[in-house]
Amino acid sequence: MQALFVGQAYIDVTFLTDTFPTGDEKAIAKDYAISFGGNAVTAAFCCAKLGGKPEILCSLADDWLARMFLDMAAAYGISVHGRKVRESSLSFIMPKSGKRAIVRCRDNDFLHPFPPLTLRGTKALHLDGHMPDAAHHYAATCKNLGILTSLDGGAVRENTDELLEHIDIAVVSERFCQQLGKTTGETLTYLRSKNCPVGAVTLGERGMVWYEAGGPDKTLPALSVPLQKVVDSNGAGDVFHGAYIASYLQWPERSWSDHFAFARGASTHAIQHLGNEASLPTLEDVQRATEEFPEKSAA
């Protein structure tokens, strides 16, 4: 395997509707998509679509939803190392006007310890912070072996502070900053204090602020996609993570400025499609999105 992705697995049900029924009502959706889901899981599928060879360590039940998930992974050549739970997790996603509402049903009551994996040949590890014991173990192990470690900091979790000691690439969200009670700049200072060589805060349609190798804060503006072309923003951040890992695997000599710009093109493609699977870009899709849309003015 080239890269290991560790996190919670979901089946995502995404649907477009103008109204959501309450009480004794019904509504008909305009469109829907069913796909794999979960932060690190979606990132892994994106990495595979872009030519990487990832494997996934994730929650896995013994039910028909899990079998559906395994079929999806097999179609992308992804090996799955399951950690047993009683039932598969589900997400119901309702995109609208560039935003999305989500209802999750999650089983993270693991019935067994996480499996030990051979890391021979592995060049990158990506975590979403779920499965904290496995995340810490593999982050510390990979860091010691000189394997690149990456964290999707979508939220502050129980072991985030300790985990960051072993992270090379920490890309966190505005929600992460809010949970810390820090501004964007203060959060980047915090990541520097944890000795993360590369740190970033993603700001959605306002782009990203980041630093590299002790340098100053830099801005990567978002690409300007007309609102009428935005179909589903859910999973775009996960595509961003999977794309910069894929870029690192394919072009390790490039700078992180290049890897992040590549990932921006991937997520720009993603928001124009419904559901995680349809959102996955090819190399040509990334190039097309990068060329089609100009950068927004830096805020």
C-alpha atoms as a PDB file:
ATOM      1  CA  MET A   1       0.000   0.000   0.000  1.00  0.00           C
ATOM      2  CA  GLN A   2       1.096   3.552  -0.726  1.00  0.00           C
ATOM      3  CA  ALA A   3      -1.104   5.207   1.892  1.00  0.00           C
ATOM      4  CA  LEU A   4      -3.196   4.208   4.896  1.00  0.00           C
ATOM      5  CA  PHE A   5      -6.412   6.065   5.722  1.00  0.00           C
ATOM      6  CA  VAL A   6      -7.919   5.599   9.207  1.00  0.00           C
ATOM      7  CA  GLY A   7     -11.451   6.669  10.150  1.00  0.00           C
ATOM      8  CA  GLN A   8     -15.166   5.993  10.472  1.00  0.00           C
ATOM      9  CA  ALA A   9     -16.972   4.463   7.489  1.00  0.00           C
ATOM     10  CA  TYR A  10     -20.489   5.507   6.450  1.00  0.00           C
ATOM     11  CA  ILE A  11     -22.992   4.873   3.726  1.00  0.00           C
ATOM     12  CA  ASP A  12     -24.171   8.309   2.578  1.00  0.00           C
ATOM     13  CA  VAL A  13     -27.673   8.964   1.288  1.00  0.00           C
ATOM     14  CA  THR A  14     -27.716  12.399  -0.370  1.00  0.00           C
ATOM     15  CA  PHE A  15     -30.903  13.934  -1.749  1.00  0.00           C
ATOM     16  CA  LEU A  16     -32.067  17.216  -3.206  1.00  0.00           C
ATOM     17  CA  THR A  17     -35.345  18.635  -1.968  1.00  0.00           C
ATOM     18  CA  ASP A  18     -36.834  22.105  -1.601  1.00  0.00           C
ATOM     19  CA  THR A  19     -38.801  21.180   1.510  1.00  0.00           C
ATOM     20  CA  PHE A  20     -38.216  18.749   4.347  1.00  0.00           C
ATOM     21  CA  PRO A  21     -41.396  17.172   5.761  1.00  0.00           C
ATOM     22  CA  THR A  22     -42.289  17.372   9.428  1.00  0.00           C
ATOM     23  CA  GLY A  23     -45.104  15.653  11.254  1.00  0.00           C
ATOM     24  CA  ASP A  24     -47.505  13.687   9.056  1.00  0.00           C
ATOM     25  CA  GLU A  25     -46.201  14.978   5.711  1.00  0.00           C
ATOM     26  CA  LYS A  26     -44.469  13.680   2.596  1.00  0.00           C
ATOM     27  CA  ALA A  27     -42.092  15.224   0.090  1.00  0.00           C
ATOM     28  CA  ILE A  28     -40.568  14.033  -3.175  1.00  0.00           C
ATOM     29  CA  ALA A  29     -36.839  14.582  -3.726  1.00  0.00           C
ATOM     30  CA  LYS A  30     -35.632  15.890  -7.087  1.00  0.00           C
ATOM     31  CA  ASP A  31     -32.565  13.644  -7.156  1.00  0.00           C
ATOM     32  CA  TYR A  32     -30.519  11.380  -4.890  1.00  0.00           C
ATOM     33  CA  ALA A  33     -27.196   9.546  -4.651  1.00  0.00           C
ATOM     34  CA  ILE A  34     -25.992   6.661  -2.480  1.00  0.00           C
ATOM     35  CA  SER A  35     -22.278   6.231  -1.899  1.00  0.00           C
ATOM     36  CA  PHE A  36     -19.491   5.551   0.583  1.00  0.00           C
ATOM     37  CA  GLY A  37     -19.000   8.210   3.243  1.00  0.00           C
ATOM     38  CA  GLY A  38     -16.817   9.287   6.134  1.00  0.00           C
ATOM     39  CA  ASN A  39     -13.992  11.831   6.166  1.00  0.00           C
ATOM     40  CA  ALA A  40     -10.886   9.642   5.804  1.00  0.00           C
ATOM     41  CA  VAL A  41     -12.843   7.053   3.806  1.00  0.00           C
ATOM     42  CA  THR A  42     -13.933   9.560   1.156  1.00  0.00           C
ATOM     43  CA  ALA A  43     -10.384  10.935   1.052  1.00  0.00           C
ATOM     44  CA  ALA A  44      -9.103   7.415   0.374  1.00  0.00           C
ATOM     45  CA  PHE A  45     -11.540   6.891  -2.509  1.00  0.00           C
ATOM     46  CA  CYS A  46     -10.453  10.239  -3.972  1.00  0.00           C
ATOM     47  CA  CYS A  47      -6.798   9.215  -3.667  1.00  0.00           C
ATOM     48  CA  ALA A  48      -7.574   5.960  -5.495  1.00  0.00           C
ATOM     49  CA  LYS A  49      -9.480   7.746  -8.275  1.00  0.00           C
ATOM     50  CA  LEU A  50      -6.431   9.986  -8.794  1.00  0.00           C
ATOM     51  CA  GLY A  51      -4.104   7.019  -9.206  1.00  0.00           C
ATOM     52  CA  GLY A  52      -2.963   6.293  -5.650  1.00  0.00           C
ATOM     53  CA  LYS A  53      -3.007   2.885  -3.988  1.00  0.00           C
ATOM     54  CA  PRO A  54      -4.634   3.469  -0.592  1.00  0.00           C
ATOM     55  CA  GLU A  55      -5.893   1.057   2.037  1.00  0.00           C
ATOM     56  CA  ILE A  56      -8.515   1.861   4.676  1.00  0.00           C
ATOM     57  CA  LEU A  57      -8.746   0.963   8.362  1.00  0.00           C
ATOM     58  CA  CYS A  58     -12.327   1.688   9.360  1.00  0.00           C
ATOM     59  CA  SER A  59     -15.415   0.580  11.237  1.00  0.00           C
ATOM     60  CA  LEU A  60     -17.071  -2.439   9.608  1.00  0.00           C
ATOM     61  CA  ALA A  61     -20.244  -4.325  10.516  1.00  0.00           C
ATOM     62  CA  ASP A  62     -21.530  -7.661   9.271  1.00  0.00           C
ATOM     63  CA  ASP A  63     -24.634  -6.447   7.460  1.00  0.00           C
ATOM     64  CA  TRP A  64     -25.792  -5.698   3.924  1.00  0.00           C
ATOM     65  CA  LEU A  65     -24.673  -2.055   4.101  1.00  0.00           C
ATOM     66  CA  ALA A  66     -21.150  -3.210   4.927  1.00  0.00           C
ATOM     67  CA  ARG A  67     -21.218  -5.595   2.002  1.00  0.00           C
ATOM     68  CA  MET A  68     -22.264  -2.705  -0.213  1.00  0.00           C
ATOM     69  CA  PHE A  69     -19.353  -0.685   1.145  1.00  0.00           C
ATOM     70  CA  LEU A  70     -16.876  -3.511   0.474  1.00  0.00           C
ATOM     71  CA  ASP A  71     -18.157  -3.814  -3.096  1.00  0.00           C
ATOM     72  CA  MET A  72     -17.571  -0.087  -3.582  1.00  0.00           C
ATOM     73  CA  ALA A  73     -14.033  -0.352  -2.217  1.00  0.00           C
ATOM     74  CA  ALA A  74     -13.256  -3.360  -4.407  1.00  0.00           C
ATOM     75  CA  ALA A  75     -14.338  -1.416  -7.484  1.00  0.00           C
ATOM     76  CA  TYR A  76     -11.596   1.120  -6.711  1.00  0.00           C
ATOM     77  CA  GLY A  77      -8.979  -1.496  -5.822  1.00  0.00           C
ATOM     78  CA  ILE A  78      -9.009  -0.475  -2.148  1.00  0.00           C
ATOM     79  CA  SER A  79      -8.258  -3.049   0.547  1.00  0.00           C
ATOM     80  CA  VAL A  80     -10.367  -2.577   3.692  1.00  0.00           C
ATOM     81  CA  HIS A  81      -9.156  -3.523   7.172  1.00  0.00           C
ATOM     82  CA  GLY A  82     -12.328  -3.612   9.216  1.00  0.00           C
ATOM     83  CA  ARG A  83     -12.749  -3.034  12.942  1.00  0.00           C
ATOM     84  CA  LYS A  84     -15.930  -4.767  14.034  1.00  0.00           C
ATOM     85  CA  VAL A  85     -19.046  -2.844  15.056  1.00  0.00           C
ATOM     86  CA  ARG A  86     -22.619  -4.135  15.372  1.00  0.00           C
ATOM     87  CA  GLU A  87     -24.180  -2.047  12.617  1.00  0.00           C
ATOM     88  CA  SER A  88     -23.084   0.143   9.738  1.00  0.00           C
ATOM     89  CA  SER A  89     -23.147   3.916  10.115  1.00  0.00           C
ATOM     90  CA  LEU A  90     -25.403   6.055   7.913  1.00  0.00           C
ATOM     91  CA  SER A  91     -25.488   9.715   6.920  1.00  0.00           C
ATOM     92  CA  PHE A  92     -28.484  11.490   5.401  1.00  0.00           C
ATOM     93  CA  ILE A  93     -27.365  14.662   3.601  1.00  0.00           C
ATOM     94  CA  MET A  94     -29.556  17.458   2.263  1.00  0.00           C
ATOM     95  CA  PRO A  95     -27.553  19.976   0.172  1.00  0.00           C
ATOM     96  CA  LYS A  96     -29.075  23.384  -0.532  1.00  0.00           C
ATOM     97  CA  SER A  97     -27.673  26.724  -1.720  1.00  0.00           C
ATOM     98  CA  GLY A  98     -24.051  25.743  -1.152  1.00  0.00           C
ATOM     99  CA  LYS A  99     -24.725  24.480   2.382  1.00  0.00           C
ATOM    100  CA  ARG A 100     -25.752  21.076   3.662  1.00  0.00           C
ATOM    101  CA  ALA A 101     -27.757  19.629   6.530  1.00  0.00           C
ATOM    102  CA  ILE A 102     -26.710  16.213   7.840  1.00  0.00           C
ATOM    103  CA  VAL A 103     -28.314  13.583  10.056  1.00  0.00           C
ATOM    104  CA  ARG A 104     -25.927  10.820  11.161  1.00  0.00           C
ATOM    105  CA  CYS A 105     -26.520   7.386  12.656  1.00  0.00           C
ATOM    106  CA  ARG A 106     -23.148   6.237  13.969  1.00  0.00           C
ATOM    107  CA  ASP A 107     -21.931   3.075  15.666  1.00  0.00           C
ATOM    108  CA  ASN A 108     -18.415   3.575  17.018  1.00  0.00           C
ATOM    109  CA  ASP A 109     -18.689   1.021  19.805  1.00  0.00           C
ATOM    110  CA  PHE A 110     -15.827  -1.162  18.614  1.00  0.00           C
ATOM    111  CA  LEU A 111     -16.081  -4.825  19.591  1.00  0.00           C
ATOM    112  CA  HIS A 112     -12.385  -5.673  19.069  1.00  0.00           C
ATOM    113  CA  PRO A 113      -8.997  -3.923  19.196  1.00  0.00           C
ATOM    114  CA  PHE A 114      -7.781  -2.312  16.001  1.00  0.00           C
ATOM    115  CA  PRO A 115      -5.856  -4.681  13.735  1.00  0.00           C
ATOM    116  CA  PRO A 116      -2.054  -4.538  13.465  1.00  0.00           C
ATOM    117  CA  LEU A 117      -0.985  -3.713   9.915  1.00  0.00           C
ATOM    118  CA  THR A 118       2.313  -4.031   8.063  1.00  0.00           C
ATOM    119  CA  LEU A 119       3.431  -0.596   6.891  1.00  0.00           C
ATOM    120  CA  ARG A 120       6.138  -1.750   4.478  1.00  0.00           C
ATOM    121  CA  GLY A 121       6.122   0.500   1.432  1.00  0.00           C
ATOM    122  CA  THR A 122       3.694   3.005   2.977  1.00  0.00           C
ATOM    123  CA  LYS A 123       4.480   6.628   2.136  1.00  0.00           C
ATOM    124  CA  ALA A 124       1.589   8.486   3.798  1.00  0.00           C
ATOM    125  CA  LEU A 125      -0.942   8.171   6.622  1.00  0.00           C
ATOM    126  CA  HIS A 126      -4.155  10.190   6.736  1.00  0.00           C
ATOM    127  CA  LEU A 127      -6.423  10.377   9.794  1.00  0.00           C
ATOM    128  CA  ASP A 128      -9.763  12.017  10.529  1.00  0.00           C
ATOM    129  CA  GLY A 129      -9.427  11.682  14.318  1.00  0.00           C
ATOM    130  CA  HIS A 130     -12.069   8.977  14.695  1.00  0.00           C
ATOM    131  CA  MET A 131     -10.940   5.683  16.235  1.00  0.00           C
ATOM    132  CA  PRO A 132      -8.582   7.585  18.583  1.00  0.00           C
ATOM    133  CA  ASP A 133      -6.548   4.627  19.813  1.00  0.00           C
ATOM    134  CA  ALA A 134      -5.747   3.450  16.289  1.00  0.00           C
ATOM    135  CA  ALA A 135      -5.135   7.032  15.137  1.00  0.00           C
ATOM    136  CA  HIS A 136      -2.569   7.634  17.882  1.00  0.00           C
ATOM    137  CA  HIS A 137      -0.845   4.291  17.374  1.00  0.00           C
ATOM    138  CA  TYR A 138      -0.422   4.643  13.634  1.00  0.00           C
ATOM    139  CA  ALA A 139       0.460   8.343  13.791  1.00  0.00           C
ATOM    140  CA  ALA A 140       3.252   7.688  16.313  1.00  0.00           C
ATOM    141  CA  THR A 141       4.462   4.613  14.414  1.00  0.00           C
ATOM    142  CA  CYS A 142       4.487   6.328  11.025  1.00  0.00           C
ATOM    143  CA  LYS A 143       6.172   9.444  12.399  1.00  0.00           C
ATOM    144  CA  ASN A 144       8.966   7.299  13.820  1.00  0.00           C
ATOM    145  CA  LEU A 145       9.325   5.502  10.468  1.00  0.00           C
ATOM    146  CA  GLY A 146       9.538   8.756   8.517  1.00  0.00           C
ATOM    147  CA  ILE A 147       6.158   8.211   6.837  1.00  0.00           C
ATOM    148  CA  LEU A 148       4.220  11.417   6.118  1.00  0.00           C
ATOM    149  CA  THR A 149       1.343  11.896   8.592  1.00  0.00           C
ATOM    150  CA  SER A 150      -1.723  13.991   7.768  1.00  0.00           C
ATOM    151  CA  LEU A 151      -4.697  15.021   9.921  1.00  0.00           C
ATOM    152  CA  ASP A 152      -8.134  16.189   8.843  1.00  0.00           C
ATOM    153  CA  GLY A 153      -8.978  18.379  11.831  1.00  0.00           C
ATOM    154  CA  GLY A 154     -12.680  18.796  11.181  1.00  0.00           C
ATOM    155  CA  ALA A 155     -13.314  19.007  14.911  1.00  0.00           C
ATOM    156  CA  VAL A 156     -11.374  18.948  18.171  1.00  0.00           C
ATOM    157  CA  ARG A 157     -11.529  15.411  19.535  1.00  0.00           C
ATOM    158  CA  GLU A 158     -10.551  13.795  22.810  1.00  0.00           C
ATOM    159  CA  ASN A 159      -6.945  13.129  21.831  1.00  0.00           C
ATOM    160  CA  THR A 160      -6.345  15.906  19.282  1.00  0.00           C
ATOM    161  CA  ASP A 161      -3.740  17.733  21.352  1.00  0.00           C
ATOM    162  CA  GLU A 162      -1.706  14.569  21.889  1.00  0.00           C
ATOM    163  CA  LEU A 163      -2.216  13.379  18.305  1.00  0.00           C
ATOM    164  CA  LEU A 164      -0.836  16.605  16.835  1.00  0.00           C
ATOM    165  CA  GLU A 165       2.574  15.782  18.313  1.00  0.00           C
ATOM    166  CA  HIS A 166       2.890  13.149  15.559  1.00  0.00           C
ATOM    167  CA  ILE A 167       1.382  15.059  12.614  1.00  0.00           C
ATOM    168  CA  ASP A 168       3.295  16.530   9.661  1.00  0.00           C
ATOM    169  CA  ILE A 169       0.351  18.044   7.741  1.00  0.00           C
ATOM    170  CA  ALA A 170      -2.464  19.417   9.926  1.00  0.00           C
ATOM    171  CA  VAL A 171      -5.374  20.823   7.898  1.00  0.00           C
ATOM    172  CA  VAL A 172      -8.155  21.981  10.216  1.00  0.00           C
ATOM    173  CA  SER A 173     -11.541  23.646   9.828  1.00  0.00           C
ATOM    174  CA  GLU A 174     -13.096  26.891  11.056  1.00  0.00           C
ATOM    175  CA  ARG A 175     -15.123  24.747  13.460  1.00  0.00           C
ATOM    176  CA  PHE A 176     -11.843  23.448  14.901  1.00  0.00           C
ATOM    177  CA  CYS A 177     -10.765  27.061  15.545  1.00  0.00           C
ATOM    178  CA  GLN A 178     -14.096  27.888  17.173  1.00  0.00           C
ATOM    179  CA  GLN A 179     -13.898  24.853  19.458  1.00  0.00           C
ATOM    180  CA  LEU A 180     -10.424  25.940  20.558  1.00  0.00           C
ATOM    181  CA  GLY A 181     -11.702  29.485  21.086  1.00  0.00           C
ATOM    182  CA  LYS A 182      -8.983  30.802  18.770  1.00  0.00           C
ATOM    183  CA  THR A 183      -8.822  32.940  15.636  1.00  0.00           C
ATOM    184  CA  THR A 184      -7.415  31.529  12.404  1.00  0.00           C
ATOM    185  CA  GLY A 185      -4.014  33.065  13.108  1.00  0.00           C
ATOM    186  CA  GLU A 186      -3.999  31.844  16.703  1.00  0.00           C
ATOM    187  CA  THR A 187      -4.857  28.333  15.530  1.00  0.00           C
ATOM    188  CA  LEU A 188      -1.913  28.346  13.118  1.00  0.00           C
ATOM    189  CA  THR A 189       0.303  29.493  16.003  1.00  0.00           C
ATOM    190  CA  TYR A 190      -1.056  26.578  18.039  1.00  0.00           C
ATOM    191  CA  LEU A 191      -0.212  24.141  15.218  1.00  0.00           C
ATOM    192  CA  ARG A 192       3.298  25.571  15.080  1.00  0.00           C
ATOM    193  CA  SER A 193       3.619  25.005  18.828  1.00  0.00           C
ATOM    194  CA  LYS A 194       2.820  21.325  18.238  1.00  0.00           C
ATOM    195  CA  ASN A 195       5.728  21.194  15.746  1.00  0.00           C
ATOM    196  CA  CYS A 196       3.524  20.489  12.718  1.00  0.00           C
ATOM    197  CA  PRO A 197       5.748  21.346   9.717  1.00  0.00           C
ATOM    198  CA  VAL A 198       2.694  22.310   7.631  1.00  0.00           C
ATOM    199  CA  GLY A 199      -0.500  23.743   9.119  1.00  0.00           C
ATOM    200  CA  ALA A 200      -3.649  25.088   7.476  1.00  0.00           C
ATOM    201  CA  VAL A 201      -7.137  26.361   8.251  1.00  0.00           C
ATOM    202  CA  THR A 202      -9.722  25.801   5.524  1.00  0.00           C
ATOM    203  CA  LEU A 203     -12.337  28.540   5.158  1.00  0.00           C
ATOM    204  CA  GLY A 204     -14.709  27.057   2.581  1.00  0.00           C
ATOM    205  CA  GLU A 205     -15.578  29.552  -0.126  1.00  0.00           C
ATOM    206  CA  ARG A 206     -12.999  31.942   1.386  1.00  0.00           C
ATOM    207  CA  GLY A 207     -10.099  29.636   0.629  1.00  0.00           C
ATOM    208  CA  MET A 208      -7.378  28.609   3.042  1.00  0.00           C
ATOM    209  CA  VAL A 209      -4.713  30.182   5.267  1.00  0.00           C
ATOM    210  CA  TRP A 210      -1.604  28.107   5.843  1.00  0.00           C
ATOM    211  CA  TYR A 211       2.106  27.994   6.593  1.00  0.00           C
ATOM    212  CA  GLU A 212       5.010  25.739   5.662  1.00  0.00           C
ATOM    213  CA  ALA A 213       8.373  24.974   7.311  1.00  0.00           C
ATOM    214  CA  GLY A 214       8.339  27.848   9.772  1.00  0.00           C
ATOM    215  CA  GLY A 215       7.421  30.417   7.136  1.00  0.00           C
ATOM    216  CA  PRO A 216       4.787  33.159   7.406  1.00  0.00           C
ATOM    217  CA  ASP A 217       1.053  32.673   7.023  1.00  0.00           C
ATOM    218  CA  LYS A 218      -0.012  32.472   3.375  1.00  0.00           C
ATOM    219  CA  THR A 219      -3.412  32.582   1.676  1.00  0.00           C
ATOM    220  CA  LEU A 220      -4.722  30.205  -0.965  1.00  0.00           C
ATOM    221  CA  PRO A 221      -7.893  31.806  -2.371  1.00  0.00           C
ATOM    222  CA  ALA A 222     -10.814  29.626  -3.427  1.00  0.00           C
ATOM    223  CA  LEU A 223     -11.722  29.349  -7.084  1.00  0.00           C
ATOM    224  CA  SER A 224     -14.750  31.384  -8.116  1.00  0.00           C
ATOM    225  CA  VAL A 225     -17.528  28.910  -8.955  1.00  0.00           C
ATOM    226  CA  PRO A 226     -20.924  30.467  -9.777  1.00  0.00           C
ATOM    227  CA  LEU A 227     -23.541  29.533  -7.182  1.00  0.00           C
ATOM    228  CA  GLN A 228     -25.785  27.965  -9.826  1.00  0.00           C
ATOM    229  CA  LYS A 229     -23.032  25.405 -10.516  1.00  0.00           C
ATOM    230  CA  VAL A 230     -22.695  24.379  -6.861  1.00  0.00           C
ATOM    231  CA  VAL A 231     -24.710  21.179  -6.412  1.00  0.00           C
ATOM    232  CA  ASP A 232     -23.374  19.512  -3.263  1.00  0.00           C
ATOM    233  CA  SER A 233     -20.587  20.838  -1.031  1.00  0.00           C
ATOM    234  CA  ASN A 234     -20.661  17.819   1.275  1.00  0.00           C
ATOM    235  CA  GLY A 235     -17.461  15.787   0.988  1.00  0.00           C
ATOM    236  CA  ALA A 236     -15.535  18.526  -0.836  1.00  0.00           C
ATOM    237  CA  GLY A 237     -13.187  18.896   2.123  1.00  0.00           C
ATOM    238  CA  ASP A 238     -12.576  15.145   2.161  1.00  0.00           C
ATOM    239  CA  VAL A 239     -11.783  15.263  -1.567  1.00  0.00           C
ATOM    240  CA  PHE A 240      -9.343  18.099  -0.794  1.00  0.00           C
ATOM    241  CA  HIS A 241      -7.485  15.896   1.705  1.00  0.00           C
ATOM    242  CA  GLY A 242      -7.457  12.870  -0.563  1.00  0.00           C
ATOM    243  CA  ALA A 243      -6.199  14.964  -3.477  1.00  0.00           C
ATOM    244  CA  TYR A 244      -3.222  16.472  -1.673  1.00  0.00           C
ATOM    245  CA  ILE A 245      -2.217  12.989  -0.497  1.00  0.00           C
ATOM    246  CA  ALA A 246      -2.513  11.729  -4.093  1.00  0.00           C
ATOM    247  CA  SER A 247      -0.462  14.692  -5.314  1.00  0.00           C
ATOM    248  CA  TYR A 248       2.225  13.999  -2.704  1.00  0.00           C
ATOM    249  CA  LEU A 249       2.383  10.329  -3.725  1.00  0.00           C
ATOM    250  CA  GLN A 250       2.623  11.106  -7.435  1.00  0.00           C
ATOM    251  CA  TRP A 251       4.865  14.183  -7.293  1.00  0.00           C
ATOM    252  CA  PRO A 252       6.802  14.089  -3.980  1.00  0.00           C
ATOM    253  CA  GLU A 253       9.295  16.629  -5.308  1.00  0.00           C
ATOM    254  CA  ARG A 254       6.630  19.352  -5.577  1.00  0.00           C
ATOM    255  CA  SER A 255       5.999  21.969  -2.909  1.00  0.00           C
ATOM    256  CA  TRP A 256       3.015  21.976  -0.596  1.00  0.00           C
ATOM    257  CA  SER A 257       1.833  25.082  -2.393  1.00  0.00           C
ATOM    258  CA  ASP A 258       1.526  22.890  -5.497  1.00  0.00           C
ATOM    259  CA  HIS A 259      -0.130  20.001  -3.619  1.00  0.00           C
ATOM    260  CA  PHE A 260      -2.720  22.320  -2.079  1.00  0.00           C
ATOM    261  CA  ALA A 261      -3.436  24.065  -5.398  1.00  0.00           C
ATOM    262  CA  PHE A 262      -4.014  20.633  -6.952  1.00  0.00           C
ATOM    263  CA  ALA A 263      -6.366  19.733  -4.085  1.00  0.00           C
ATOM    264  CA  ARG A 264      -8.250  23.009  -4.574  1.00  0.00           C
ATOM    265  CA  GLY A 265      -8.947  22.032  -8.177  1.00  0.00           C
ATOM    266  CA  ALA A 266     -10.184  18.628  -7.001  1.00  0.00           C
ATOM    267  CA  SER A 267     -12.607  20.080  -4.454  1.00  0.00           C
ATOM    268  CA  THR A 268     -13.792  22.659  -6.997  1.00  0.00           C
ATOM    269  CA  HIS A 269     -14.768  19.779  -9.263  1.00  0.00           C
ATOM    270  CA  ALA A 270     -16.421  17.957  -6.354  1.00  0.00           C
ATOM    271  CA  ILE A 271     -18.917  20.664  -5.400  1.00  0.00           C
ATOM    272  CA  GLN A 272     -20.478  20.518  -8.866  1.00  0.00           C
ATOM    273  CA  HIS A 273     -21.713  16.926  -8.456  1.00  0.00           C
ATOM    274  CA  LEU A 274     -24.235  15.110  -6.255  1.00  0.00           C
ATOM    275  CA  GLY A 275     -22.902  12.514  -3.819  1.00  0.00           C
ATOM    276  CA  ASN A 276     -19.376  11.456  -2.946  1.00  0.00           C
ATOM    277  CA  GLU A 277     -18.780   9.008  -5.776  1.00  0.00           C
ATOM    278  CA  ALA A 278     -19.872  11.357  -8.558  1.00  0.00           C
ATOM    279  CA  SER A 279     -17.746  14.070  -6.912  1.00  0.00           C
ATOM    280  CA  LEU A 280     -14.462  12.157  -7.263  1.00  0.00           C
ATOM    281  CA  PRO A 281     -12.230  13.839  -9.863  1.00  0.00           C
ATOM    282  CA  THR A 282      -9.849  12.423 -12.409  1.00  0.00           C
ATOM    283  CA  LEU A 283      -6.538  14.154 -13.151  1.00  0.00           C
ATOM    284  CA  GLU A 284      -8.218  15.724 -16.178  1.00  0.00           C
ATOM    285  CA  ASP A 285     -11.102  16.997 -14.022  1.00  0.00           C
ATOM    286  CA  VAL A 286      -8.653  18.708 -11.658  1.00  0.00           C
ATOM    287  CA  GLN A 287      -6.872  20.419 -14.541  1.00  0.00           C
ATOM    288  CA  ARG A 288     -10.173  21.443 -16.136  1.00  0.00           C
ATOM    289  CA  ALA A 289     -11.527  22.995 -12.913  1.00  0.00           C
ATOM    290  CA  THR A 290      -8.255  24.825 -12.287  1.00  0.00           C
ATOM    291  CA  GLU A 291      -8.285  26.312 -15.776  1.00  0.00           C
ATOM    292  CA  GLU A 292     -12.016  27.083 -15.925  1.00  0.00           C
ATOM    293  CA  PHE A 293     -12.468  29.111 -12.755  1.00  0.00           C
ATOM    294  CA  PRO A 294     -10.434  32.162 -11.686  1.00  0.00           C
ATOM    295  CA  GLU A 295      -9.221  32.720  -8.151  1.00  0.00           C
ATOM    296  CA  LYS A 296     -11.403  34.779  -5.881  1.00  0.00           C
ATOM    297  CA  SER A 297      -9.922  37.980  -4.565  1.00  0.00           C
ATOM    298  CA  ALA A 298      -8.087  37.295  -1.311  1.00  0.00           C
ATOM    299  CA  ALA A 299     -10.125  38.387   1.710  1.00  0.00           C
END
